[in-house]
Amino acid sequence: MARRPLAFGIRFRDKGRTLRVRGYEGSERGYLVEDARRGRATLRRDHTSLASALRDFAATWRGRLH
């Protein structure tokens, strides 16, 4: 069984905004959610589990609609 369930990562793009989920390279610290927008600094949020990182990703992606 794999120790890292998310081997490659996730990236969604829409109208100058990129939302990305990836595991830390070379360590087992957890997962990173990056929210990059054109003309703004990239926001980075750390998560210890994949479930919390995906929950954050989904909430942020849905939030762009409102």
PDB file of N, CA and C in Angstrom:
ATOM      1  N   MET A   1       0.836  -1.180   0.000  1.00  0.00           N
ATOM      2  CA  MET A   1       0.000   0.000   0.000  1.00  0.00           C
ATOM      3  C   MET A   1       0.885   1.248   0.000  1.00  0.00           C
ATOM      4  N   ALA A   2       0.519   2.209  -0.768  1.00  0.00           N
ATOM      5  CA  ALA A   2       1.302   3.431  -0.893  1.00  0.00           C
ATOM      6  C   ALA A   2       1.193   4.274   0.379  1.00  0.00           C
ATOM      7  N   ARG A   3       2.285   4.928   0.718  1.00  0.00           N
ATOM      8  CA  ARG A   3       2.278   5.806   1.886  1.00  0.00           C
ATOM      9  C   ARG A   3       1.726   7.178   1.543  1.00  0.00           C
ATOM     10  N   ARG A   4       1.811   7.565   0.285  1.00  0.00           N
ATOM     11  CA  ARG A   4       1.339   8.871  -0.168  1.00  0.00           C
ATOM     12  C   ARG A   4       0.189   8.672  -1.133  1.00  0.00           C
ATOM     13  N   PRO A   5      -1.062   8.837  -0.698  1.00  0.00           N
ATOM     14  CA  PRO A   5      -2.188   8.593  -1.590  1.00  0.00           C
ATOM     15  C   PRO A   5      -2.284   9.569  -2.757  1.00  0.00           C
ATOM     16  N   LEU A   6      -1.701  10.750  -2.638  1.00  0.00           N
ATOM     17  CA  LEU A   6      -1.739  11.728  -3.718  1.00  0.00           C
ATOM     18  C   LEU A   6      -0.318  11.858  -4.277  1.00  0.00           C
ATOM     19  N   ALA A   7      -0.017  11.128  -5.329  1.00  0.00           N
ATOM     20  CA  ALA A   7       1.349  11.072  -5.837  1.00  0.00           C
ATOM     21  C   ALA A   7       1.718  12.291  -6.684  1.00  0.00           C
ATOM     22  N   PHE A   8       0.789  12.861  -7.449  1.00  0.00           N
ATOM     23  CA  PHE A   8       1.144  13.912  -8.387  1.00  0.00           C
ATOM     24  C   PHE A   8       0.589  15.282  -8.023  1.00  0.00           C
ATOM     25  N   GLY A   9      -0.604  15.366  -7.537  1.00  0.00           N
ATOM     26  CA  GLY A   9      -1.190  16.651  -7.168  1.00  0.00           C
ATOM     27  C   GLY A   9      -2.418  16.983  -7.996  1.00  0.00           C
ATOM     28  N   ILE A  10      -3.002  18.127  -7.666  1.00  0.00           N
ATOM     29  CA  ILE A  10      -4.214  18.609  -8.343  1.00  0.00           C
ATOM     30  C   ILE A  10      -3.991  20.063  -8.711  1.00  0.00           C
ATOM     31  N   ARG A  11      -4.443  20.460  -9.904  1.00  0.00           N
ATOM     32  CA  ARG A  11      -4.362  21.868 -10.289  1.00  0.00           C
ATOM     33  C   ARG A  11      -5.594  22.235 -11.101  1.00  0.00           C
ATOM     34  N   PHE A  12      -6.300  23.271 -10.648  1.00  0.00           N
ATOM     35  CA  PHE A  12      -7.436  23.829 -11.380  1.00  0.00           C
ATOM     36  C   PHE A  12      -7.096  25.261 -11.741  1.00  0.00           C
ATOM     37  N   ARG A  13      -7.479  25.680 -12.955  1.00  0.00           N
ATOM     38  CA  ARG A  13      -7.249  27.055 -13.411  1.00  0.00           C
ATOM     39  C   ARG A  13      -8.545  27.633 -13.939  1.00  0.00           C
ATOM     40  N   ASP A  14      -8.763  28.930 -13.611  1.00  0.00           N
ATOM     41  CA  ASP A  14      -9.957  29.607 -14.099  1.00  0.00           C
ATOM     42  C   ASP A  14      -9.731  31.110 -14.022  1.00  0.00           C
ATOM     43  N   LYS A  15      -9.774  31.782 -15.167  1.00  0.00           N
ATOM     44  CA  LYS A  15      -9.725  33.247 -15.250  1.00  0.00           C
ATOM     45  C   LYS A  15      -8.606  33.876 -14.416  1.00  0.00           C
ATOM     46  N   GLY A  16      -7.400  33.408 -14.606  1.00  0.00           N
ATOM     47  CA  GLY A  16      -6.253  34.002 -13.918  1.00  0.00           C
ATOM     48  C   GLY A  16      -6.039  33.513 -12.506  1.00  0.00           C
ATOM     49  N   ARG A  17      -6.778  32.530 -12.079  1.00  0.00           N
ATOM     50  CA  ARG A  17      -6.619  31.976 -10.737  1.00  0.00           C
ATOM     51  C   ARG A  17      -6.221  30.517 -10.859  1.00  0.00           C
ATOM     52  N   THR A  18      -5.234  30.119 -10.081  1.00  0.00           N
ATOM     53  CA  THR A  18      -4.779  28.739 -10.063  1.00  0.00           C
ATOM     54  C   THR A  18      -4.832  28.230  -8.639  1.00  0.00           C
ATOM     55  N   LEU A  19      -5.463  27.101  -8.454  1.00  0.00           N
ATOM     56  CA  LEU A  19      -5.570  26.461  -7.150  1.00  0.00           C
ATOM     57  C   LEU A  19      -4.906  25.100  -7.265  1.00  0.00           C
ATOM     58  N   ARG A  20      -3.978  24.810  -6.347  1.00  0.00           N
ATOM     59  CA  ARG A  20      -3.156  23.616  -6.470  1.00  0.00           C
ATOM     60  C   ARG A  20      -3.063  22.900  -5.119  1.00  0.00           C
ATOM     61  N   VAL A  21      -3.085  21.581  -5.151  1.00  0.00           N
ATOM     62  CA  VAL A  21      -2.843  20.747  -3.977  1.00  0.00           C
ATOM     63  C   VAL A  21      -1.698  19.822  -4.315  1.00  0.00           C
ATOM     64  N   ARG A  22      -0.724  19.745  -3.414  1.00  0.00           N
ATOM     65  CA  ARG A  22       0.397  18.827  -3.638  1.00  0.00           C
ATOM     66  C   ARG A  22       0.990  18.413  -2.309  1.00  0.00           C
ATOM     67  N   GLY A  23       1.652  17.284  -2.319  1.00  0.00           N
ATOM     68  CA  GLY A  23       2.361  16.818  -1.133  1.00  0.00           C
ATOM     69  C   GLY A  23       3.718  17.488  -1.056  1.00  0.00           C
ATOM     70  N   TYR A  24       4.238  17.578   0.146  1.00  0.00           N
ATOM     71  CA  TYR A  24       5.584  18.121   0.299  1.00  0.00           C
ATOM     72  C   TYR A  24       6.573  17.141  -0.301  1.00  0.00           C
ATOM     73  N   GLU A  25       7.528  17.653  -1.050  1.00  0.00           N
ATOM     74  CA  GLU A  25       8.517  16.785  -1.674  1.00  0.00           C
ATOM     75  C   GLU A  25       9.584  16.370  -0.657  1.00  0.00           C
ATOM     76  N   GLY A  26       9.831  15.084  -0.590  1.00  0.00           N
ATOM     77  CA  GLY A  26      10.929  14.586   0.224  1.00  0.00           C
ATOM     78  C   GLY A  26      10.645  14.494   1.712  1.00  0.00           C
ATOM     79  N   SER A  27       9.440  14.745   2.149  1.00  0.00           N
ATOM     80  CA  SER A  27       9.140  14.620   3.574  1.00  0.00           C
ATOM     81  C   SER A  27       7.711  14.114   3.743  1.00  0.00           C
ATOM     82  N   GLU A  28       7.362  13.816   4.953  1.00  0.00           N
ATOM     83  CA  GLU A  28       6.013  13.328   5.228  1.00  0.00           C
ATOM     84  C   GLU A  28       5.268  14.322   6.103  1.00  0.00           C
ATOM     85  N   ARG A  29       5.483  15.602   5.886  1.00  0.00           N
ATOM     86  CA  ARG A  29       4.866  16.628   6.718  1.00  0.00           C
ATOM     87  C   ARG A  29       3.403  16.839   6.397  1.00  0.00           C
ATOM     88  N   GLY A  30       2.954  16.491   5.246  1.00  0.00           N
ATOM     89  CA  GLY A  30       1.552  16.687   4.910  1.00  0.00           C
ATOM     90  C   GLY A  30       1.371  17.209   3.500  1.00  0.00           C
ATOM     91  N   TYR A  31       0.382  18.090   3.346  1.00  0.00           N
ATOM     92  CA  TYR A  31      -0.007  18.586   2.031  1.00  0.00           C
ATOM     93  C   TYR A  31      -0.080  20.107   2.038  1.00  0.00           C
ATOM     94  N   LEU A  32       0.069  20.688   0.878  1.00  0.00           N
ATOM     95  CA  LEU A  32       0.092  22.130   0.704  1.00  0.00           C
ATOM     96  C   LEU A  32      -0.986  22.532  -0.298  1.00  0.00           C
ATOM     97  N   VAL A  33      -1.777  23.548   0.057  1.00  0.00           N
ATOM     98  CA  VAL A  33      -2.782  24.117  -0.851  1.00  0.00           C
ATOM     99  C   VAL A  33      -2.284  25.506  -1.224  1.00  0.00           C
ATOM    100  N   GLU A  34      -2.115  25.755  -2.515  1.00  0.00           N
ATOM    101  CA  GLU A  34      -1.645  27.052  -3.006  1.00  0.00           C
ATOM    102  C   GLU A  34      -2.748  27.722  -3.817  1.00  0.00           C
ATOM    103  N   ASP A  35      -3.010  28.978  -3.495  1.00  0.00           N
ATOM    104  CA  ASP A  35      -4.032  29.771  -4.179  1.00  0.00           C
ATOM    105  C   ASP A  35      -3.329  30.967  -4.816  1.00  0.00           C
ATOM    106  N   ALA A  36      -3.133  30.925  -6.133  1.00  0.00           N
ATOM    107  CA  ALA A  36      -2.412  31.984  -6.855  1.00  0.00           C
ATOM    108  C   ALA A  36      -3.388  32.740  -7.752  1.00  0.00           C
ATOM    109  N   ARG A  37      -3.331  34.053  -7.663  1.00  0.00           N
ATOM    110  CA  ARG A  37      -4.151  34.906  -8.524  1.00  0.00           C
ATOM    111  C   ARG A  37      -3.258  35.917  -9.213  1.00  0.00           C
ATOM    112  N   ARG A  38      -3.663  36.305 -10.392  1.00  0.00           N
ATOM    113  CA  ARG A  38      -2.912  37.282 -11.162  1.00  0.00           C
ATOM    114  C   ARG A  38      -2.855  38.603 -10.388  1.00  0.00           C
ATOM    115  N   GLY A  39      -1.648  39.126 -10.186  1.00  0.00           N
ATOM    116  CA  GLY A  39      -1.486  40.416  -9.529  1.00  0.00           C
ATOM    117  C   GLY A  39      -1.516  40.368  -8.012  1.00  0.00           C
ATOM    118  N   ARG A  40      -1.557  39.177  -7.408  1.00  0.00           N
ATOM    119  CA  ARG A  40      -1.585  39.035  -5.949  1.00  0.00           C
ATOM    120  C   ARG A  40      -0.540  38.025  -5.501  1.00  0.00           C
ATOM    121  N   ALA A  41      -0.216  38.090  -4.230  1.00  0.00           N
ATOM    122  CA  ALA A  41       0.722  37.113  -3.664  1.00  0.00           C
ATOM    123  C   ALA A  41       0.025  35.752  -3.545  1.00  0.00           C
ATOM    124  N   THR A  42       0.798  34.693  -3.670  1.00  0.00           N
ATOM    125  CA  THR A  42       0.273  33.338  -3.560  1.00  0.00           C
ATOM    126  C   THR A  42       0.013  33.003  -2.099  1.00  0.00           C
ATOM    127  N   LEU A  43      -1.190  32.515  -1.816  1.00  0.00           N
ATOM    128  CA  LEU A  43      -1.531  32.080  -0.466  1.00  0.00           C
ATOM    129  C   LEU A  43      -1.220  30.596  -0.345  1.00  0.00           C
ATOM    130  N   ARG A  44      -0.534  30.220   0.741  1.00  0.00           N
ATOM    131  CA  ARG A  44      -0.176  28.819   0.970  1.00  0.00           C
ATOM    132  C   ARG A  44      -0.726  28.379   2.320  1.00  0.00           C
ATOM    133  N   ARG A  45      -1.396  27.219   2.317  1.00  0.00           N
ATOM    134  CA  ARG A  45      -1.954  26.684   3.549  1.00  0.00           C
ATOM    135  C   ARG A  45      -1.492  25.239   3.711  1.00  0.00           C
ATOM    136  N   ASP A  46      -0.979  24.925   4.902  1.00  0.00           N
ATOM    137  CA  ASP A  46      -0.480  23.586   5.217  1.00  0.00           C
ATOM    138  C   ASP A  46      -1.580  22.749   5.848  1.00  0.00           C
ATOM    139  N   HIS A  47      -1.575  21.458   5.511  1.00  0.00           N
ATOM    140  CA  HIS A  47      -2.534  20.506   6.082  1.00  0.00           C
ATOM    141  C   HIS A  47      -1.798  19.220   6.425  1.00  0.00           C
ATOM    142  N   THR A  48      -2.187  18.609   7.535  1.00  0.00           N
ATOM    143  CA  THR A  48      -1.527  17.365   7.944  1.00  0.00           C
ATOM    144  C   THR A  48      -2.115  16.145   7.255  1.00  0.00           C
ATOM    145  N   SER A  49      -3.352  16.246   6.781  1.00  0.00           N
ATOM    146  CA  SER A  49      -3.976  15.090   6.124  1.00  0.00           C
ATOM    147  C   SER A  49      -4.473  15.472   4.731  1.00  0.00           C
ATOM    148  N   LEU A  50      -4.587  14.470   3.890  1.00  0.00           N
ATOM    149  CA  LEU A  50      -5.103  14.679   2.547  1.00  0.00           C
ATOM    150  C   LEU A  50      -6.566  15.102   2.584  1.00  0.00           C
ATOM    151  N   ALA A  51      -7.335  14.540   3.506  1.00  0.00           N
ATOM    152  CA  ALA A  51      -8.756  14.875   3.609  1.00  0.00           C
ATOM    153  C   ALA A  51      -8.957  16.357   3.909  1.00  0.00           C
ATOM    154  N   SER A  52      -8.182  16.902   4.825  1.00  0.00           N
ATOM    155  CA  SER A  52      -8.350  18.327   5.149  1.00  0.00           C
ATOM    156  C   SER A  52      -7.867  19.216   4.004  1.00  0.00           C
ATOM    157  N   ALA A  53      -6.831  18.788   3.286  1.00  0.00           N
ATOM    158  CA  ALA A  53      -6.348  19.563   2.139  1.00  0.00           C
ATOM    159  C   ALA A  53      -7.396  19.581   1.024  1.00  0.00           C
ATOM    160  N   LEU A  54      -8.022  18.442   0.756  1.00  0.00           N
ATOM    161  CA  LEU A  54      -9.059  18.384  -0.280  1.00  0.00           C
ATOM    162  C   LEU A  54     -10.308  19.154   0.130  1.00  0.00           C
ATOM    163  N   ARG A  55     -10.639  19.141   1.411  1.00  0.00           N
ATOM    164  CA  ARG A  55     -11.781  19.918   1.905  1.00  0.00           C
ATOM    165  C   ARG A  55     -11.529  21.408   1.707  1.00  0.00           C
ATOM    166  N   ASP A  56     -10.315  21.861   2.020  1.00  0.00           N
ATOM    167  CA  ASP A  56      -9.936  23.259   1.827  1.00  0.00           C
ATOM    168  C   ASP A  56      -9.958  23.623   0.342  1.00  0.00           C
ATOM    169  N   PHE A  57      -9.414  22.732  -0.496  1.00  0.00           N
ATOM    170  CA  PHE A  57      -9.400  22.938  -1.937  1.00  0.00           C
ATOM    171  C   PHE A  57     -10.818  23.109  -2.475  1.00  0.00           C
ATOM    172  N   ALA A  58     -11.727  22.202  -2.077  1.00  0.00           N
ATOM    173  CA  ALA A  58     -13.107  22.247  -2.567  1.00  0.00           C
ATOM    174  C   ALA A  58     -13.826  23.506  -2.098  1.00  0.00           C
ATOM    175  N   ALA A  59     -13.634  23.886  -0.845  1.00  0.00           N
ATOM    176  CA  ALA A  59     -14.289  25.087  -0.318  1.00  0.00           C
ATOM    177  C   ALA A  59     -13.779  26.337  -1.016  1.00  0.00           C
ATOM    178  N   THR A  60     -12.487  26.403  -1.268  1.00  0.00           N
ATOM    179  CA  THR A  60     -11.905  27.556  -1.956  1.00  0.00           C
ATOM    180  C   THR A  60     -12.374  27.621  -3.398  1.00  0.00           C
ATOM    181  N   TRP A  61     -12.416  26.471  -4.083  1.00  0.00           N
ATOM    182  CA  TRP A  61     -12.846  26.448  -5.480  1.00  0.00           C
ATOM    183  C   TRP A  61     -14.317  26.829  -5.607  1.00  0.00           C
ATOM    184  N   ARG A  62     -15.155  26.339  -4.704  1.00  0.00           N
ATOM    185  CA  ARG A  62     -16.566  26.714  -4.713  1.00  0.00           C
ATOM    186  C   ARG A  62     -16.730  28.199  -4.371  1.00  0.00           C
ATOM    187  N   GLY A  63     -15.879  28.728  -3.506  1.00  0.00           N
ATOM    188  CA  GLY A  63     -15.951  30.121  -3.092  1.00  0.00           C
ATOM    189  C   GLY A  63     -15.708  31.104  -4.224  1.00  0.00           C
ATOM    190  N   ARG A  64     -15.041  30.682  -5.269  1.00  0.00           N
ATOM    191  CA  ARG A  64     -14.773  31.592  -6.396  1.00  0.00           C
ATOM    192  C   ARG A  64     -16.044  31.951  -7.146  1.00  0.00           C
ATOM    193  N   LEU A  65     -17.102  31.158  -6.958  1.00  0.00           N
ATOM    194  CA  LEU A  65     -18.351  31.403  -7.662  1.00  0.00           C
ATOM    195  C   LEU A  65     -19.186  32.524  -7.032  1.00  0.00           C
ATOM    196  N   HIS A  66     -18.870  32.850  -5.787  1.00  0.00           N
ATOM    197  CA  HIS A  66     -19.688  33.844  -5.070  1.00  0.00           C
ATOM    198  C   HIS A  66     -18.968  35.156  -4.912  1.00  0.00           C
TER     199      HIS A  66
END
